[in-house]
Amino acid sequence: MSFLKEVKSWIGMDPDSVTLKDQVSKENPLFVYVKIPGNIGPMERGKRFEDPLQGALSREHLGEVTGGGAQLAEEDTSTTLFCGLDIDVYDFERGIALLRRELIRLKAPKDTFLFYELNGQGFEEPLYVN
């Protein structure tokens, strides 16, 4: 099972659902999972990333942050390996561009990735491209 399908099942979505590029809209949003590496707790995640992203998405009417979570280290549950943001995007091209621009502006760590599935194809895109 791909990482994105696993995330979808964690949050109660159908892991096999397919979003078509030409049908992305507020009524049929594209689910995007942003995986942010590092020991970032819930309060910091909200302040650093969720709230500013929600503000930018709302201002442009391009989507909303629908949730977030963290993966704890098995050997030390006080350490977060990565955190994630669940985001619904209403316009594919403009929404992904906004996420990239804002995450870079917010100084998301190196190795931050955007995961989404479009037209049945999974995408795992690094935020920072060499």
C-alpha atoms as a PDB file:
ATOM      1  CA  MET A   1       0.000   0.000   0.000  1.00  0.00           C
ATOM      2  CA  SER A   2       1.364   3.429  -0.918  1.00  0.00           C
ATOM      3  CA  PHE A   3       2.004   6.010   1.791  1.00  0.00           C
ATOM      4  CA  LEU A   4      -0.842   8.216   0.515  1.00  0.00           C
ATOM      5  CA  LYS A   5      -3.318   5.321   0.531  1.00  0.00           C
ATOM      6  CA  GLU A   6      -2.203   4.534   4.077  1.00  0.00           C
ATOM      7  CA  VAL A   7      -2.795   8.160   5.130  1.00  0.00           C
ATOM      8  CA  LYS A   8      -6.227   8.146   3.501  1.00  0.00           C
ATOM      9  CA  SER A   9      -7.194   5.016   5.425  1.00  0.00           C
ATOM     10  CA  TRP A  10      -5.907   6.561   8.709  1.00  0.00           C
ATOM     11  CA  ILE A  11      -8.305   9.488   8.335  1.00  0.00           C
ATOM     12  CA  GLY A  12     -11.278   7.447   7.158  1.00  0.00           C
ATOM     13  CA  MET A  13     -11.104   8.212   3.428  1.00  0.00           C
ATOM     14  CA  ASP A  14     -11.497   5.568   0.749  1.00  0.00           C
ATOM     15  CA  PRO A  15      -7.860   4.783  -0.110  1.00  0.00           C
ATOM     16  CA  ASP A  16      -8.876   3.813  -3.648  1.00  0.00           C
ATOM     17  CA  SER A  17     -10.859   6.974  -4.420  1.00  0.00           C
ATOM     18  CA  VAL A  18      -9.802   8.775  -7.592  1.00  0.00           C
ATOM     19  CA  THR A  19      -9.889  12.532  -8.184  1.00  0.00           C
ATOM     20  CA  LEU A  20      -9.877  13.697 -11.784  1.00  0.00           C
ATOM     21  CA  LYS A  21      -7.861  16.826 -12.561  1.00  0.00           C
ATOM     22  CA  ASP A  22     -10.619  18.484 -14.581  1.00  0.00           C
ATOM     23  CA  GLN A  23     -13.144  17.880 -11.789  1.00  0.00           C
ATOM     24  CA  VAL A  24     -11.235  19.378  -8.843  1.00  0.00           C
ATOM     25  CA  SER A  25     -13.494  21.958  -7.172  1.00  0.00           C
ATOM     26  CA  LYS A  26     -14.858  22.988  -3.792  1.00  0.00           C
ATOM     27  CA  GLU A  27     -17.484  20.263  -4.170  1.00  0.00           C
ATOM     28  CA  ASN A  28     -14.847  17.705  -5.256  1.00  0.00           C
ATOM     29  CA  PRO A  29     -11.577  18.769  -3.625  1.00  0.00           C
ATOM     30  CA  LEU A  30      -8.174  17.213  -4.168  1.00  0.00           C
ATOM     31  CA  PHE A  31      -6.801  15.705  -0.953  1.00  0.00           C
ATOM     32  CA  VAL A  32      -3.172  16.726  -0.392  1.00  0.00           C
ATOM     33  CA  TYR A  33      -1.070  15.390   2.457  1.00  0.00           C
ATOM     34  CA  VAL A  34       1.936  17.498   3.435  1.00  0.00           C
ATOM     35  CA  LYS A  35       4.599  15.472   5.269  1.00  0.00           C
ATOM     36  CA  ILE A  36       6.900  17.699   7.317  1.00  0.00           C
ATOM     37  CA  PRO A  37       9.932  15.999   8.901  1.00  0.00           C
ATOM     38  CA  GLY A  38      11.195  16.791  12.369  1.00  0.00           C
ATOM     39  CA  ASN A  39      10.223  16.836  16.003  1.00  0.00           C
ATOM     40  CA  ILE A  40       7.341  19.289  15.573  1.00  0.00           C
ATOM     41  CA  GLY A  41       4.570  19.006  18.157  1.00  0.00           C
ATOM     42  CA  PRO A  42       0.885  19.854  17.649  1.00  0.00           C
ATOM     43  CA  MET A  43       1.047  23.415  19.001  1.00  0.00           C
ATOM     44  CA  GLU A  44       4.109  24.310  16.948  1.00  0.00           C
ATOM     45  CA  ARG A  45       2.622  22.617  13.856  1.00  0.00           C
ATOM     46  CA  GLY A  46      -0.515  24.730  14.212  1.00  0.00           C
ATOM     47  CA  LYS A  47       1.275  28.008  14.772  1.00  0.00           C
ATOM     48  CA  ARG A  48       4.024  27.488  12.165  1.00  0.00           C
ATOM     49  CA  PHE A  49       2.076  25.800   9.389  1.00  0.00           C
ATOM     50  CA  GLU A  50      -1.651  25.053   9.814  1.00  0.00           C
ATOM     51  CA  ASP A  51      -2.887  28.511  10.739  1.00  0.00           C
ATOM     52  CA  PRO A  52      -0.843  30.452   8.146  1.00  0.00           C
ATOM     53  CA  LEU A  53      -1.708  27.943   5.402  1.00  0.00           C
ATOM     54  CA  GLN A  54      -5.395  28.108   6.304  1.00  0.00           C
ATOM     55  CA  GLY A  55      -5.250  31.895   6.114  1.00  0.00           C
ATOM     56  CA  ALA A  56      -3.604  31.861   2.681  1.00  0.00           C
ATOM     57  CA  LEU A  57      -5.966  29.199   1.309  1.00  0.00           C
ATOM     58  CA  SER A  58      -9.019  31.074   2.629  1.00  0.00           C
ATOM     59  CA  ARG A  59      -7.914  34.443   1.246  1.00  0.00           C
ATOM     60  CA  GLU A  60      -7.540  32.927  -2.227  1.00  0.00           C
ATOM     61  CA  HIS A  61     -10.594  30.622  -1.923  1.00  0.00           C
ATOM     62  CA  LEU A  62      -8.338  27.700  -2.881  1.00  0.00           C
ATOM     63  CA  GLY A  63      -8.947  25.210  -0.097  1.00  0.00           C
ATOM     64  CA  GLU A  64      -8.764  24.415   3.586  1.00  0.00           C
ATOM     65  CA  VAL A  65      -6.636  22.618   6.129  1.00  0.00           C
ATOM     66  CA  THR A  66      -8.850  19.770   7.336  1.00  0.00           C
ATOM     67  CA  GLY A  67      -6.555  18.137   9.879  1.00  0.00           C
ATOM     68  CA  GLY A  68      -3.112  17.258  11.020  1.00  0.00           C
ATOM     69  CA  GLY A  69      -1.217  14.676  12.972  1.00  0.00           C
ATOM     70  CA  ALA A  70       2.157  13.257  13.858  1.00  0.00           C
ATOM     71  CA  GLN A  71       4.112  10.028  13.692  1.00  0.00           C
ATOM     72  CA  LEU A  72       5.834   9.289  16.977  1.00  0.00           C
ATOM     73  CA  ALA A  73       9.065   7.334  17.246  1.00  0.00           C
ATOM     74  CA  GLU A  74       8.452   3.753  18.387  1.00  0.00           C
ATOM     75  CA  GLU A  75      11.424   3.741  20.755  1.00  0.00           C
ATOM     76  CA  ASP A  76      10.681   7.179  22.264  1.00  0.00           C
ATOM     77  CA  THR A  77       7.069   8.324  22.043  1.00  0.00           C
ATOM     78  CA  SER A  78       8.065  11.816  23.196  1.00  0.00           C
ATOM     79  CA  THR A  79       9.825  12.300  19.845  1.00  0.00           C
ATOM     80  CA  THR A  80       7.918  13.138  16.683  1.00  0.00           C
ATOM     81  CA  LEU A  81       9.430  11.734  13.478  1.00  0.00           C
ATOM     82  CA  PHE A  82       7.235  13.841  11.204  1.00  0.00           C
ATOM     83  CA  CYS A  83       3.998  15.739  11.241  1.00  0.00           C
ATOM     84  CA  GLY A  84       1.433  15.958   8.512  1.00  0.00           C
ATOM     85  CA  LEU A  85      -1.254  18.287   7.275  1.00  0.00           C
ATOM     86  CA  ASP A  86      -4.464  17.165   5.588  1.00  0.00           C
ATOM     87  CA  ILE A  87      -5.493  19.742   3.006  1.00  0.00           C
ATOM     88  CA  ASP A  88      -8.403  19.948   0.570  1.00  0.00           C
ATOM     89  CA  VAL A  89      -7.507  21.946  -2.553  1.00  0.00           C
ATOM     90  CA  TYR A  90     -10.267  23.400  -4.758  1.00  0.00           C
ATOM     91  CA  ASP A  91      -8.150  24.305  -7.809  1.00  0.00           C
ATOM     92  CA  PHE A  92      -5.305  21.921  -8.645  1.00  0.00           C
ATOM     93  CA  GLU A  93      -2.728  24.200 -10.270  1.00  0.00           C
ATOM     94  CA  ARG A  94      -3.318  27.324  -8.213  1.00  0.00           C
ATOM     95  CA  GLY A  95      -3.775  25.374  -4.976  1.00  0.00           C
ATOM     96  CA  ILE A  96      -0.569  23.354  -5.308  1.00  0.00           C
ATOM     97  CA  ALA A  97       1.343  26.502  -6.303  1.00  0.00           C
ATOM     98  CA  LEU A  98       0.017  28.317  -3.221  1.00  0.00           C
ATOM     99  CA  LEU A  99       0.964  25.419  -0.931  1.00  0.00           C
ATOM    100  CA  ARG A 100       4.497  25.347  -2.335  1.00  0.00           C
ATOM    101  CA  ARG A 101       4.950  29.111  -2.113  1.00  0.00           C
ATOM    102  CA  GLU A 102       3.579  29.353   1.429  1.00  0.00           C
ATOM    103  CA  LEU A 103       5.453  26.331   2.799  1.00  0.00           C
ATOM    104  CA  ILE A 104       8.708  27.761   1.457  1.00  0.00           C
ATOM    105  CA  ARG A 105       7.872  31.168   2.927  1.00  0.00           C
ATOM    106  CA  LEU A 106       7.105  29.464   6.254  1.00  0.00           C
ATOM    107  CA  LYS A 107      10.517  27.775   6.103  1.00  0.00           C
ATOM    108  CA  ALA A 108       9.228  24.207   6.040  1.00  0.00           C
ATOM    109  CA  PRO A 109      12.178  21.857   6.610  1.00  0.00           C
ATOM    110  CA  LYS A 110      14.166  20.211   3.865  1.00  0.00           C
ATOM    111  CA  ASP A 111      12.594  16.852   2.909  1.00  0.00           C
ATOM    112  CA  THR A 112       9.037  18.188   3.187  1.00  0.00           C
ATOM    113  CA  PHE A 113       6.838  16.365   0.657  1.00  0.00           C
ATOM    114  CA  LEU A 114       3.430  16.864  -0.931  1.00  0.00           C
ATOM    115  CA  PHE A 115       1.449  13.676  -1.584  1.00  0.00           C
ATOM    116  CA  TYR A 116      -1.663  13.566  -3.748  1.00  0.00           C
ATOM    117  CA  GLU A 117      -3.357  11.380  -6.299  1.00  0.00           C
ATOM    118  CA  LEU A 118      -4.709  12.757  -9.546  1.00  0.00           C
ATOM    119  CA  ASN A 119      -6.347  10.858 -12.403  1.00  0.00           C
ATOM    120  CA  GLY A 120      -5.455   7.609 -10.609  1.00  0.00           C
ATOM    121  CA  GLN A 121      -1.720   8.388 -10.480  1.00  0.00           C
ATOM    122  CA  GLY A 122       0.045   8.973  -7.165  1.00  0.00           C
ATOM    123  CA  PHE A 123       2.441  11.897  -6.777  1.00  0.00           C
ATOM    124  CA  GLU A 124       5.120  12.279  -4.105  1.00  0.00           C
ATOM    125  CA  GLU A 125       6.727  15.657  -4.733  1.00  0.00           C
ATOM    126  CA  PRO A 126       9.531  17.211  -2.723  1.00  0.00           C
ATOM    127  CA  LEU A 127       8.825  20.799  -1.693  1.00  0.00           C
ATOM    128  CA  TYR A 128      12.335  21.895  -2.506  1.00  0.00           C
ATOM    129  CA  VAL A 129      13.579  20.995  -5.960  1.00  0.00           C
ATOM    130  CA  ASN A 130      17.338  21.251  -6.465  1.00  0.00           C
END
